[in-house]
């Protein structure tokens, strides 16, 4: 039991030493122009004081991997925004086209209703060039259909 405890303490001590070997103190010193400088190695020619800040070396491969992942994520987000913008532009164009169609249909429906409401007698052209005049019931039905078209196409 004592050997296990001793071995465990020794292993933990070695791990702590290895971890602290990776950390460095940050030193502050003032150069000849009066500008404060910070470094992880104390300069030989100047009075440097430890700041209490601990620093570790960076892993360039890990930094590069994180940078590449962030760039990929940003690229995907940018593509998604572009697709959404294109879809939005297509939707806006479709809505504009629908509004124009509704406006044209509304205008035709109003003109048709105006014709049915102001004309004395209406007729249908016949194949031989003749005319067939609408009966009062047919004229009433045509007026009702025109009013229905106005309520359908006009806001």
C-alpha atoms as a PDB file:
ATOM      1  CA  UNK A   1       0.000   0.000   0.000  1.00  0.00           C
ATOM      2  CA  UNK A   2       2.821   2.353   0.891  1.00  0.00           C
ATOM      3  CA  UNK A   3       4.558   1.623  -2.404  1.00  0.00           C
ATOM      4  CA  UNK A   4       1.378   2.495  -4.357  1.00  0.00           C
ATOM      5  CA  UNK A   5       0.982   5.776  -2.517  1.00  0.00           C
ATOM      6  CA  UNK A   6       4.639   6.661  -3.007  1.00  0.00           C
ATOM      7  CA  UNK A   7       4.449   5.767  -6.697  1.00  0.00           C
ATOM      8  CA  UNK A   8       1.259   7.817  -7.116  1.00  0.00           C
ATOM      9  CA  UNK A   9       2.818  10.856  -5.414  1.00  0.00           C
ATOM     10  CA  UNK A  10       5.933  10.520  -7.544  1.00  0.00           C
ATOM     11  CA  UNK A  11       3.831  10.308 -10.740  1.00  0.00           C
ATOM     12  CA  UNK A  12       1.787  13.359  -9.760  1.00  0.00           C
ATOM     13  CA  UNK A  13       4.957  15.305  -8.929  1.00  0.00           C
ATOM     14  CA  UNK A  14       6.446  14.469 -12.314  1.00  0.00           C
ATOM     15  CA  UNK A  15       3.225  15.522 -14.059  1.00  0.00           C
ATOM     16  CA  UNK A  16       3.238  18.838 -12.187  1.00  0.00           C
ATOM     17  CA  UNK A  17       6.878  19.442 -13.092  1.00  0.00           C
ATOM     18  CA  UNK A  18       6.167  18.619 -16.758  1.00  0.00           C
ATOM     19  CA  UNK A  19       3.193  20.967 -16.786  1.00  0.00           C
ATOM     20  CA  UNK A  20       5.126  23.768 -15.144  1.00  0.00           C
ATOM     21  CA  UNK A  21       7.973  23.233 -17.596  1.00  0.00           C
ATOM     22  CA  UNK A  22       5.553  24.220 -20.347  1.00  0.00           C
ATOM     23  CA  UNK A  23       4.642  27.474 -18.603  1.00  0.00           C
ATOM     24  CA  UNK A  24       6.786  30.596 -18.652  1.00  0.00           C
ATOM     25  CA  UNK A  25       6.779  33.753 -16.598  1.00  0.00           C
ATOM     26  CA  UNK A  26       6.191  37.073 -18.304  1.00  0.00           C
ATOM     27  CA  UNK A  27       8.647  39.839 -17.448  1.00  0.00           C
ATOM     28  CA  UNK A  28       8.205  43.592 -17.718  1.00  0.00           C
ATOM     29  CA  UNK A  29      11.038  46.024 -18.313  1.00  0.00           C
ATOM     30  CA  UNK A  30      11.428  49.566 -19.621  1.00  0.00           C
ATOM     31  CA  UNK A  31      13.714  50.244 -22.597  1.00  0.00           C
ATOM     32  CA  UNK A  32      16.011  53.274 -22.988  1.00  0.00           C
ATOM     33  CA  UNK A  33      13.176  55.311 -24.604  1.00  0.00           C
ATOM     34  CA  UNK A  34      10.895  54.732 -21.606  1.00  0.00           C
ATOM     35  CA  UNK A  35       8.598  52.294 -23.439  1.00  0.00           C
ATOM     36  CA  UNK A  36       7.463  49.318 -21.348  1.00  0.00           C
ATOM     37  CA  UNK A  37       8.371  45.952 -22.889  1.00  0.00           C
ATOM     38  CA  UNK A  38       7.028  42.497 -22.069  1.00  0.00           C
ATOM     39  CA  UNK A  39       8.845  39.225 -22.734  1.00  0.00           C
ATOM     40  CA  UNK A  40       8.947  35.618 -21.619  1.00  0.00           C
ATOM     41  CA  UNK A  41      12.741  35.777 -21.126  1.00  0.00           C
ATOM     42  CA  UNK A  42      14.328  38.275 -18.770  1.00  0.00           C
ATOM     43  CA  UNK A  43      16.621  40.648 -20.655  1.00  0.00           C
ATOM     44  CA  UNK A  44      20.227  40.662 -19.567  1.00  0.00           C
ATOM     45  CA  UNK A  45      20.877  44.409 -19.830  1.00  0.00           C
ATOM     46  CA  UNK A  46      17.757  45.752 -18.089  1.00  0.00           C
ATOM     47  CA  UNK A  47      16.005  45.452 -14.756  1.00  0.00           C
ATOM     48  CA  UNK A  48      13.105  43.104 -15.416  1.00  0.00           C
ATOM     49  CA  UNK A  49      10.385  42.308 -12.922  1.00  0.00           C
ATOM     50  CA  UNK A  50       8.116  39.273 -13.131  1.00  0.00           C
ATOM     51  CA  UNK A  51       4.488  40.240 -13.736  1.00  0.00           C
ATOM     52  CA  UNK A  52       2.917  37.161 -12.222  1.00  0.00           C
ATOM     53  CA  UNK A  53       1.419  36.301 -15.591  1.00  0.00           C
ATOM     54  CA  UNK A  54       2.105  32.746 -16.735  1.00  0.00           C
ATOM     55  CA  UNK A  55       2.410  31.936 -20.426  1.00  0.00           C
ATOM     56  CA  UNK A  56       2.589  28.683 -22.360  1.00  0.00           C
ATOM     57  CA  UNK A  57       4.009  27.899 -25.747  1.00  0.00           C
ATOM     58  CA  UNK A  58       1.435  27.558 -28.482  1.00  0.00           C
ATOM     59  CA  UNK A  59       1.104  24.528 -30.676  1.00  0.00           C
ATOM     60  CA  UNK A  60       1.307  25.872 -34.255  1.00  0.00           C
ATOM     61  CA  UNK A  61      -0.464  22.812 -35.695  1.00  0.00           C
ATOM     62  CA  UNK A  62      -3.366  23.210 -33.266  1.00  0.00           C
ATOM     63  CA  UNK A  63      -3.613  26.929 -34.038  1.00  0.00           C
ATOM     64  CA  UNK A  64      -3.591  26.200 -37.772  1.00  0.00           C
ATOM     65  CA  UNK A  65      -6.262  23.514 -37.362  1.00  0.00           C
ATOM     66  CA  UNK A  66      -8.503  25.899 -35.366  1.00  0.00           C
ATOM     67  CA  UNK A  67      -7.955  28.635 -37.954  1.00  0.00           C
ATOM     68  CA  UNK A  68      -8.861  26.285 -40.810  1.00  0.00           C
ATOM     69  CA  UNK A  69     -11.964  25.090 -38.965  1.00  0.00           C
ATOM     70  CA  UNK A  70     -13.055  28.684 -38.342  1.00  0.00           C
ATOM     71  CA  UNK A  71     -12.447  29.576 -42.003  1.00  0.00           C
ATOM     72  CA  UNK A  72     -14.488  26.569 -43.138  1.00  0.00           C
ATOM     73  CA  UNK A  73     -17.291  27.473 -40.727  1.00  0.00           C
ATOM     74  CA  UNK A  74     -17.271  31.091 -41.953  1.00  0.00           C
ATOM     75  CA  UNK A  75     -17.284  29.913 -45.570  1.00  0.00           C
ATOM     76  CA  UNK A  76     -20.300  27.677 -44.971  1.00  0.00           C
ATOM     77  CA  UNK A  77     -22.120  30.479 -43.174  1.00  0.00           C
ATOM     78  CA  UNK A  78     -21.340  32.855 -46.023  1.00  0.00           C
ATOM     79  CA  UNK A  79     -22.615  30.348 -48.603  1.00  0.00           C
ATOM     80  CA  UNK A  80     -25.797  29.855 -46.579  1.00  0.00           C
ATOM     81  CA  UNK A  81     -26.341  33.619 -46.382  1.00  0.00           C
ATOM     82  CA  UNK A  82     -25.792  33.943 -50.139  1.00  0.00           C
ATOM     83  CA  UNK A  83     -28.260  31.126 -50.834  1.00  0.00           C
ATOM     84  CA  UNK A  84     -30.775  32.728 -48.492  1.00  0.00           C
ATOM     85  CA  UNK A  85     -30.236  36.074 -50.223  1.00  0.00           C
ATOM     86  CA  UNK A  86     -30.709  34.496 -53.655  1.00  0.00           C
ATOM     87  CA  UNK A  87     -33.836  32.720 -52.448  1.00  0.00           C
ATOM     88  CA  UNK A  88     -35.095  35.956 -50.937  1.00  0.00           C
ATOM     89  CA  UNK A  89     -34.459  37.809 -54.213  1.00  0.00           C
ATOM     90  CA  UNK A  90     -36.267  35.072 -56.156  1.00  0.00           C
ATOM     91  CA  UNK A  91     -39.178  35.223 -53.709  1.00  0.00           C
ATOM     92  CA  UNK A  92     -39.329  39.009 -54.014  1.00  0.00           C
ATOM     93  CA  UNK A  93     -39.323  38.770 -57.821  1.00  0.00           C
ATOM     94  CA  UNK A  94     -42.090  36.161 -57.698  1.00  0.00           C
ATOM     95  CA  UNK A  95     -44.162  38.335 -55.342  1.00  0.00           C
ATOM     96  CA  UNK A  96     -43.670  41.352 -57.607  1.00  0.00           C
ATOM     97  CA  UNK A  97     -44.757  39.334 -60.647  1.00  0.00           C
ATOM     98  CA  UNK A  98     -47.831  38.074 -58.775  1.00  0.00           C
ATOM     99  CA  UNK A  99     -48.725  41.640 -57.734  1.00  0.00           C
ATOM    100  CA  UNK A 100     -48.459  42.799 -61.355  1.00  0.00           C
ATOM    101  CA  UNK A 101     -50.632  39.908 -62.562  1.00  0.00           C
ATOM    102  CA  UNK A 102     -53.241  40.632 -59.888  1.00  0.00           C
ATOM    103  CA  UNK A 103     -53.182  44.331 -60.800  1.00  0.00           C
ATOM    104  CA  UNK A 104     -53.716  43.550 -64.510  1.00  0.00           C
ATOM    105  CA  UNK A 105     -56.501  41.060 -63.737  1.00  0.00           C
ATOM    106  CA  UNK A 106     -58.132  43.578 -61.422  1.00  0.00           C
ATOM    107  CA  UNK A 107     -58.047  46.239 -64.149  1.00  0.00           C
ATOM    108  CA  UNK A 108     -59.625  43.838 -66.683  1.00  0.00           C
ATOM    109  CA  UNK A 109     -62.308  42.815 -64.171  1.00  0.00           C
ATOM    110  CA  UNK A 110     -63.177  46.466 -63.454  1.00  0.00           C
ATOM    111  CA  UNK A 111     -63.360  47.279 -67.169  1.00  0.00           C
ATOM    112  CA  UNK A 112     -65.593  44.264 -67.792  1.00  0.00           C
ATOM    113  CA  UNK A 113     -67.876  45.219 -64.891  1.00  0.00           C
ATOM    114  CA  UNK A 114     -68.017  48.801 -66.167  1.00  0.00           C
ATOM    115  CA  UNK A 115     -69.011  47.562 -69.620  1.00  0.00           C
ATOM    116  CA  UNK A 116     -71.716  45.253 -68.231  1.00  0.00           C
ATOM    117  CA  UNK A 117     -73.110  47.976 -65.953  1.00  0.00           C
ATOM    118  CA  UNK A 118     -73.204  50.817 -68.514  1.00  0.00           C
ATOM    119  CA  UNK A 119     -74.141  49.067 -71.754  1.00  0.00           C
ATOM    120  CA  UNK A 120     -77.792  49.077 -72.858  1.00  0.00           C
ATOM    121  CA  UNK A 121     -77.560  45.806 -74.744  1.00  0.00           C
ATOM    122  CA  UNK A 122     -74.740  43.275 -74.834  1.00  0.00           C
ATOM    123  CA  UNK A 123     -74.199  40.553 -77.392  1.00  0.00           C
ATOM    124  CA  UNK A 124     -72.031  37.583 -78.238  1.00  0.00           C
ATOM    125  CA  UNK A 125     -70.455  37.468 -81.686  1.00  0.00           C
ATOM    126  CA  UNK A 126     -71.647  34.530 -83.794  1.00  0.00           C
ATOM    127  CA  UNK A 127     -69.444  32.458 -86.143  1.00  0.00           C
ATOM    128  CA  UNK A 128     -70.936  33.918 -89.321  1.00  0.00           C
ATOM    129  CA  UNK A 129     -70.454  37.512 -88.174  1.00  0.00           C
ATOM    130  CA  UNK A 130     -73.901  37.808 -86.607  1.00  0.00           C
ATOM    131  CA  UNK A 131     -74.766  38.790 -83.064  1.00  0.00           C
ATOM    132  CA  UNK A 132     -76.705  37.058 -80.335  1.00  0.00           C
ATOM    133  CA  UNK A 133     -77.976  39.517 -77.739  1.00  0.00           C
ATOM    134  CA  UNK A 134     -77.866  38.552 -74.082  1.00  0.00           C
ATOM    135  CA  UNK A 135     -81.132  38.040 -72.254  1.00  0.00           C
ATOM    136  CA  UNK A 136     -81.809  39.947 -69.052  1.00  0.00           C
ATOM    137  CA  UNK A 137     -80.925  36.830 -67.021  1.00  0.00           C
ATOM    138  CA  UNK A 138     -77.631  36.314 -68.922  1.00  0.00           C
ATOM    139  CA  UNK A 139     -76.757  40.004 -68.469  1.00  0.00           C
ATOM    140  CA  UNK A 140     -77.488  39.747 -64.726  1.00  0.00           C
ATOM    141  CA  UNK A 141     -75.322  36.602 -64.473  1.00  0.00           C
ATOM    142  CA  UNK A 142     -72.480  38.332 -66.385  1.00  0.00           C
ATOM    143  CA  UNK A 143     -72.669  41.345 -64.054  1.00  0.00           C
ATOM    144  CA  UNK A 144     -72.538  39.080 -60.985  1.00  0.00           C
ATOM    145  CA  UNK A 145     -69.543  37.193 -62.441  1.00  0.00           C
ATOM    146  CA  UNK A 146     -67.751  40.506 -63.125  1.00  0.00           C
ATOM    147  CA  UNK A 147     -68.400  41.667 -59.562  1.00  0.00           C
ATOM    148  CA  UNK A 148     -67.068  38.321 -58.306  1.00  0.00           C
ATOM    149  CA  UNK A 149     -63.915  38.779 -60.439  1.00  0.00           C
ATOM    150  CA  UNK A 150     -63.386  42.225 -58.882  1.00  0.00           C
ATOM    151  CA  UNK A 151     -63.633  40.802 -55.376  1.00  0.00           C
ATOM    152  CA  UNK A 152     -61.224  37.992 -56.360  1.00  0.00           C
ATOM    153  CA  UNK A 153     -58.519  40.103 -58.055  1.00  0.00           C
ATOM    154  CA  UNK A 154     -58.781  43.512 -56.413  1.00  0.00           C
ATOM    155  CA  UNK A 155     -57.677  44.139 -52.836  1.00  0.00           C
END
